[in-house]
């Protein structure tokens, strides 16, 4: 009687790593800072109430702009800042992965990151 060959157990695929959008600050010669984006919003500016603080950027207003996530879409809205938000935004603009914008002299970028 010959032994039947053993069939190896199937190898399970690794679980997918969740991916989400994040805001990445990439200037001022500092290490990149990553701020996860989720439904709701984040305030950007020099003010103490900002979730994305730019205290060292003298061209950023106290309450400069906000990022809002609604229905999976990311919107940038200038908050009436003195110097504007470049992509020159007056009002609200939908952002996608790879979009960059300036608040004061700080360059920010929307990127996909692993959660």
N, C-alpha and C. Protein backbone atom coordinates (compact mmCIF):
# COMPACT_ATOMS: atom_id res chain seq x y z
N UNK A 1 0.82 -1.17 0.00
CA UNK A 1 0.00 0.00 0.00
C UNK A 1 0.88 1.26 0.00
N UNK A 2 0.67 2.11 -0.97
CA UNK A 2 1.47 3.33 -1.03
C UNK A 2 0.75 4.45 -0.27
N UNK A 3 1.56 5.24 0.37
CA UNK A 3 1.00 6.37 1.13
C UNK A 3 0.58 7.47 0.16
N UNK A 4 -0.55 8.04 0.44
CA UNK A 4 -1.00 9.15 -0.40
C UNK A 4 -0.18 10.39 -0.05
N UNK A 5 0.16 11.19 -1.08
CA UNK A 5 0.95 12.39 -0.79
C UNK A 5 0.14 13.37 0.07
N UNK A 6 0.84 14.00 0.95
CA UNK A 6 0.18 15.00 1.80
C UNK A 6 0.04 16.29 1.01
N UNK A 7 -1.11 16.86 1.10
CA UNK A 7 -1.37 18.14 0.44
C UNK A 7 -1.12 19.23 1.47
N UNK A 8 -0.24 20.18 1.13
CA UNK A 8 0.04 21.23 2.11
C UNK A 8 -1.21 22.08 2.35
N UNK A 9 -1.30 22.54 3.58
CA UNK A 9 -2.42 23.42 3.93
C UNK A 9 -2.26 24.72 3.15
N UNK A 10 -3.37 25.32 2.74
CA UNK A 10 -3.26 26.58 2.01
C UNK A 10 -2.62 27.66 2.89
N UNK A 11 -1.81 28.46 2.25
CA UNK A 11 -1.17 29.57 2.96
C UNK A 11 -2.13 30.74 2.94
N UNK A 12 -2.41 31.24 4.11
CA UNK A 12 -3.35 32.37 4.14
C UNK A 12 -2.62 33.64 3.73
N UNK A 13 -3.34 34.49 3.04
CA UNK A 13 -2.80 35.77 2.61
C UNK A 13 -2.70 36.68 3.82
N UNK A 14 -1.68 37.53 3.88
CA UNK A 14 -1.61 38.45 5.00
C UNK A 14 -2.81 39.41 4.96
N UNK A 15 -3.25 39.80 6.13
CA UNK A 15 -4.39 40.72 6.20
C UNK A 15 -4.00 42.04 5.57
N UNK A 16 -4.93 42.65 4.88
CA UNK A 16 -4.68 43.94 4.25
C UNK A 16 -4.47 44.99 5.34
N UNK A 17 -3.52 45.86 5.11
CA UNK A 17 -3.26 46.95 6.04
C UNK A 17 -4.21 48.08 5.69
N UNK A 18 -4.97 48.57 6.67
CA UNK A 18 -5.89 49.66 6.36
C UNK A 18 -5.12 50.89 5.88
N UNK A 19 -5.64 51.55 4.90
CA UNK A 19 -5.01 52.75 4.35
C UNK A 19 -5.97 53.89 4.52
N UNK A 20 -5.43 55.04 4.93
CA UNK A 20 -6.28 56.21 5.08
C UNK A 20 -5.50 57.43 4.61
N UNK A 21 -6.20 58.52 4.44
CA UNK A 21 -5.54 59.76 4.06
C UNK A 21 -5.02 60.43 5.32
N UNK A 22 -3.88 61.07 5.16
CA UNK A 22 -3.29 61.84 6.25
C UNK A 22 -2.79 63.14 5.68
N UNK A 23 -2.67 64.11 6.54
CA UNK A 23 -2.05 65.38 6.18
C UNK A 23 -0.62 65.30 6.66
N UNK A 24 0.33 65.63 5.78
CA UNK A 24 1.73 65.56 6.13
C UNK A 24 2.33 66.95 6.00
N UNK A 25 2.96 67.44 7.07
CA UNK A 25 3.68 68.71 7.01
C UNK A 25 5.11 68.39 6.59
N UNK A 26 5.56 69.02 5.52
CA UNK A 26 6.84 68.62 4.93
C UNK A 26 7.83 69.77 4.77
N UNK A 27 7.71 70.82 5.55
CA UNK A 27 8.66 71.91 5.36
C UNK A 27 9.25 72.38 6.68
N UNK A 28 9.94 73.48 6.64
CA UNK A 28 10.62 74.10 7.77
C UNK A 28 11.81 73.27 8.25
N UNK A 29 12.35 72.38 7.40
CA UNK A 29 13.52 71.62 7.75
C UNK A 29 13.32 70.69 8.94
N UNK A 30 12.08 70.43 9.30
CA UNK A 30 11.78 69.55 10.42
C UNK A 30 11.49 68.15 9.90
N UNK A 31 11.40 67.22 10.84
CA UNK A 31 10.90 65.91 10.47
C UNK A 31 9.46 66.06 10.02
N UNK A 32 9.04 65.19 9.11
CA UNK A 32 7.65 65.24 8.69
C UNK A 32 6.76 64.95 9.87
N UNK A 33 5.65 65.66 9.94
CA UNK A 33 4.65 65.40 10.97
C UNK A 33 3.40 64.91 10.26
N UNK A 34 2.81 63.85 10.78
CA UNK A 34 1.64 63.24 10.14
C UNK A 34 0.44 63.42 11.04
N UNK A 35 -0.65 63.91 10.45
CA UNK A 35 -1.91 64.10 11.15
C UNK A 35 -2.98 63.28 10.45
N UNK A 36 -3.48 62.20 11.07
CA UNK A 36 -4.53 61.39 10.43
C UNK A 36 -5.79 62.21 10.24
N UNK A 37 -6.43 62.02 9.11
CA UNK A 37 -7.68 62.71 8.81
C UNK A 37 -8.84 61.73 9.01
N UNK A 38 -9.90 62.19 9.62
CA UNK A 38 -11.09 61.37 9.80
C UNK A 38 -12.30 62.27 9.66
N UNK A 39 -13.48 61.66 9.65
CA UNK A 39 -14.71 62.46 9.53
C UNK A 39 -14.67 63.58 10.56
N UNK A 40 -15.11 64.73 10.17
CA UNK A 40 -15.04 65.90 11.03
C UNK A 40 -14.04 66.86 10.45
N UNK A 41 -13.28 67.54 11.29
CA UNK A 41 -12.35 68.52 10.75
C UNK A 41 -11.18 68.78 11.67
N UNK A 42 -10.17 69.45 11.10
CA UNK A 42 -8.99 69.87 11.82
C UNK A 42 -8.74 71.34 11.52
N UNK A 43 -8.48 72.14 12.56
CA UNK A 43 -8.12 73.54 12.37
C UNK A 43 -6.60 73.65 12.21
N UNK A 44 -6.17 74.55 11.31
CA UNK A 44 -4.76 74.76 11.03
C UNK A 44 -4.44 76.21 11.36
N UNK A 45 -3.37 76.45 12.13
CA UNK A 45 -2.97 77.82 12.41
C UNK A 45 -2.05 77.94 13.61
N UNK A 46 -1.78 79.20 14.00
CA UNK A 46 -0.91 79.46 15.13
C UNK A 46 -1.63 79.36 16.47
N UNK A 47 -2.95 79.42 16.45
CA UNK A 47 -3.72 79.45 17.68
C UNK A 47 -3.63 78.17 18.50
N UNK A 48 -3.85 78.31 19.81
CA UNK A 48 -3.79 77.18 20.72
C UNK A 48 -4.87 76.15 20.43
N UNK A 49 -5.96 76.57 19.80
CA UNK A 49 -7.06 75.63 19.52
C UNK A 49 -6.85 74.86 18.22
N UNK A 50 -5.74 75.11 17.53
CA UNK A 50 -5.46 74.41 16.27
C UNK A 50 -5.02 72.98 16.54
N UNK A 51 -5.64 72.03 15.82
CA UNK A 51 -5.21 70.64 15.92
C UNK A 51 -3.94 70.41 15.10
N UNK A 52 -3.69 71.31 14.13
CA UNK A 52 -2.45 71.27 13.35
C UNK A 52 -1.75 72.60 13.64
N UNK A 53 -0.89 72.60 14.67
CA UNK A 53 -0.29 73.86 15.12
C UNK A 53 0.88 74.30 14.24
N UNK A 54 0.87 75.58 13.87
CA UNK A 54 1.95 76.16 13.08
C UNK A 54 2.51 77.36 13.85
N UNK A 55 2.82 77.16 15.12
CA UNK A 55 3.22 78.24 16.01
C UNK A 55 4.47 78.98 15.52
N UNK A 56 5.35 78.30 14.81
CA UNK A 56 6.60 78.93 14.37
C UNK A 56 6.49 79.60 13.01
N UNK A 57 5.34 79.52 12.36
CA UNK A 57 5.17 80.11 11.04
C UNK A 57 4.55 81.50 11.19
N UNK A 58 5.38 82.54 11.07
CA UNK A 58 4.89 83.90 11.31
C UNK A 58 3.91 84.39 10.24
N UNK A 59 3.78 83.67 9.14
CA UNK A 59 2.84 84.06 8.09
C UNK A 59 1.50 83.33 8.20
N UNK A 60 1.40 82.40 9.13
CA UNK A 60 0.12 81.71 9.36
C UNK A 60 -0.70 82.51 10.36
N UNK A 61 -1.99 82.61 10.11
CA UNK A 61 -2.89 83.29 11.03
C UNK A 61 -3.21 82.38 12.21
N UNK A 62 -3.77 82.97 13.25
CA UNK A 62 -4.14 82.19 14.43
C UNK A 62 -5.12 81.07 14.05
N UNK A 63 -6.14 81.40 13.30
CA UNK A 63 -7.09 80.42 12.77
C UNK A 63 -7.04 80.57 11.25
N UNK A 64 -6.13 79.86 10.60
CA UNK A 64 -5.81 80.11 9.19
C UNK A 64 -6.73 79.36 8.22
N UNK A 65 -6.91 78.07 8.45
CA UNK A 65 -7.68 77.25 7.52
C UNK A 65 -8.18 76.01 8.26
N UNK A 66 -9.01 75.24 7.57
CA UNK A 66 -9.45 73.96 8.15
C UNK A 66 -9.53 72.91 7.06
N UNK A 67 -9.33 71.67 7.48
CA UNK A 67 -9.53 70.51 6.63
C UNK A 67 -10.74 69.78 7.16
N UNK A 68 -11.67 69.45 6.29
CA UNK A 68 -12.86 68.73 6.70
C UNK A 68 -13.02 67.49 5.85
N UNK A 69 -13.34 66.38 6.49
CA UNK A 69 -13.61 65.13 5.79
C UNK A 69 -15.10 64.89 5.88
N UNK A 70 -15.74 64.82 4.73
CA UNK A 70 -17.19 64.61 4.67
C UNK A 70 -17.49 63.58 3.59
N UNK A 71 -18.10 62.49 3.99
CA UNK A 71 -18.45 61.45 3.03
C UNK A 71 -17.24 60.89 2.30
N UNK A 72 -16.09 60.81 2.99
CA UNK A 72 -14.88 60.26 2.38
C UNK A 72 -14.12 61.24 1.50
N UNK A 73 -14.61 62.47 1.37
CA UNK A 73 -13.92 63.49 0.57
C UNK A 73 -13.26 64.49 1.52
N UNK A 74 -12.12 65.03 1.09
CA UNK A 74 -11.37 65.98 1.91
C UNK A 74 -11.55 67.37 1.32
N UNK A 75 -11.93 68.33 2.17
CA UNK A 75 -12.12 69.70 1.73
C UNK A 75 -11.20 70.63 2.51
N UNK A 76 -10.59 71.59 1.80
CA UNK A 76 -9.77 72.63 2.39
C UNK A 76 -10.57 73.92 2.35
N UNK A 77 -10.59 74.62 3.48
CA UNK A 77 -11.33 75.88 3.53
C UNK A 77 -10.48 76.93 4.24
N UNK A 78 -10.21 78.04 3.57
CA UNK A 78 -9.51 79.14 4.20
C UNK A 78 -10.47 79.79 5.18
N UNK A 79 -9.95 80.19 6.34
CA UNK A 79 -10.80 80.76 7.40
C UNK A 79 -10.75 82.28 7.41
N UNK A 80 -10.54 82.88 6.24
CA UNK A 80 -10.47 84.34 6.16
C UNK A 80 -9.11 84.86 6.61
N UNK A 81 -8.07 84.06 6.40
CA UNK A 81 -6.72 84.45 6.85
C UNK A 81 -6.22 85.66 6.07
N UNK A 82 -5.29 86.38 6.70
CA UNK A 82 -4.73 87.57 6.08
C UNK A 82 -3.94 87.24 4.81
N UNK A 83 -3.15 86.18 4.83
CA UNK A 83 -2.28 85.83 3.69
C UNK A 83 -2.87 84.80 2.74
N UNK A 84 -4.06 84.30 3.02
CA UNK A 84 -4.68 83.31 2.14
C UNK A 84 -4.04 81.94 2.31
N UNK A 85 -4.63 80.97 1.68
CA UNK A 85 -4.13 79.60 1.67
C UNK A 85 -3.85 79.25 0.23
N UNK A 86 -2.61 78.91 -0.05
CA UNK A 86 -2.19 78.66 -1.44
C UNK A 86 -2.20 77.18 -1.70
N UNK A 87 -2.87 76.63 -2.47
CA UNK A 87 -3.70 76.73 -3.63
C UNK A 87 -4.61 77.93 -3.28
N UNK A 88 -4.57 79.00 -3.97
CA UNK A 88 -5.30 80.21 -3.60
C UNK A 88 -6.77 79.87 -3.42
N UNK A 89 -7.16 79.69 -2.18
CA UNK A 89 -8.52 79.26 -1.88
C UNK A 89 -9.29 80.41 -1.26
N UNK A 90 -10.40 80.71 -1.85
CA UNK A 90 -11.38 81.59 -1.24
C UNK A 90 -12.60 80.72 -1.10
N UNK A 91 -12.83 80.25 0.07
CA UNK A 91 -13.94 79.32 0.26
C UNK A 91 -13.41 77.92 0.45
N UNK A 92 -13.98 76.99 -0.27
CA UNK A 92 -13.76 75.58 -0.01
C UNK A 92 -13.31 74.85 -1.27
N UNK A 93 -12.44 73.84 -1.12
CA UNK A 93 -11.90 73.11 -2.26
C UNK A 93 -11.72 71.66 -1.85
N UNK A 94 -12.14 70.72 -2.71
CA UNK A 94 -11.93 69.30 -2.44
C UNK A 94 -10.49 68.94 -2.77
N UNK A 95 -9.85 68.18 -1.88
CA UNK A 95 -8.47 67.73 -2.08
C UNK A 95 -8.43 66.23 -2.31
N UNK A 96 -7.38 65.78 -3.01
CA UNK A 96 -7.18 64.36 -3.25
C UNK A 96 -5.73 64.03 -2.89
N UNK A 97 -5.43 62.74 -2.82
CA UNK A 97 -4.08 62.30 -2.51
C UNK A 97 -3.08 62.97 -3.45
N UNK A 98 -1.99 63.47 -2.89
CA UNK A 98 -0.95 64.11 -3.67
C UNK A 98 -1.08 65.61 -3.75
N UNK A 99 -2.26 66.17 -3.41
CA UNK A 99 -2.43 67.62 -3.45
C UNK A 99 -1.58 68.27 -2.37
N UNK A 100 -0.97 69.40 -2.72
CA UNK A 100 -0.17 70.18 -1.80
C UNK A 100 -0.75 71.58 -1.69
N UNK A 101 -0.54 72.19 -0.53
CA UNK A 101 -0.97 73.58 -0.36
C UNK A 101 -0.10 74.25 0.69
N UNK A 102 -0.10 75.58 0.68
CA UNK A 102 0.68 76.36 1.63
C UNK A 102 -0.25 77.05 2.62
N UNK A 103 0.15 77.02 3.88
CA UNK A 103 -0.46 77.83 4.92
C UNK A 103 0.69 78.62 5.50
N UNK A 104 0.68 79.94 5.32
CA UNK A 104 1.86 80.73 5.67
C UNK A 104 3.00 80.29 4.78
N UNK A 105 4.10 79.85 5.38
CA UNK A 105 5.23 79.33 4.59
C UNK A 105 5.36 77.82 4.77
N UNK A 106 4.35 77.19 5.35
CA UNK A 106 4.39 75.75 5.61
C UNK A 106 3.72 75.00 4.48
N UNK A 107 4.45 74.04 3.88
CA UNK A 107 3.91 73.22 2.80
C UNK A 107 3.28 71.98 3.42
N UNK A 108 2.04 71.70 3.01
CA UNK A 108 1.30 70.53 3.51
C UNK A 108 0.88 69.69 2.32
N UNK A 109 0.78 68.39 2.53
CA UNK A 109 0.45 67.46 1.44
C UNK A 109 -0.50 66.38 1.95
N UNK A 110 -1.45 66.00 1.11
CA UNK A 110 -2.36 64.89 1.42
C UNK A 110 -1.70 63.62 0.90
N UNK A 111 -1.52 62.61 1.78
CA UNK A 111 -0.89 61.34 1.39
C UNK A 111 -1.70 60.18 1.94
N UNK A 112 -1.55 59.03 1.31
CA UNK A 112 -2.10 57.79 1.86
C UNK A 112 -1.05 57.22 2.81
N UNK A 113 -1.49 56.80 3.99
CA UNK A 113 -0.61 56.19 4.95
C UNK A 113 -1.25 54.93 5.50
N UNK A 114 -0.43 54.02 5.97
CA UNK A 114 -0.95 52.82 6.62
C UNK A 114 -1.40 53.17 8.02
N UNK A 115 -2.57 52.68 8.37
CA UNK A 115 -3.10 52.98 9.70
C UNK A 115 -2.42 52.14 10.75
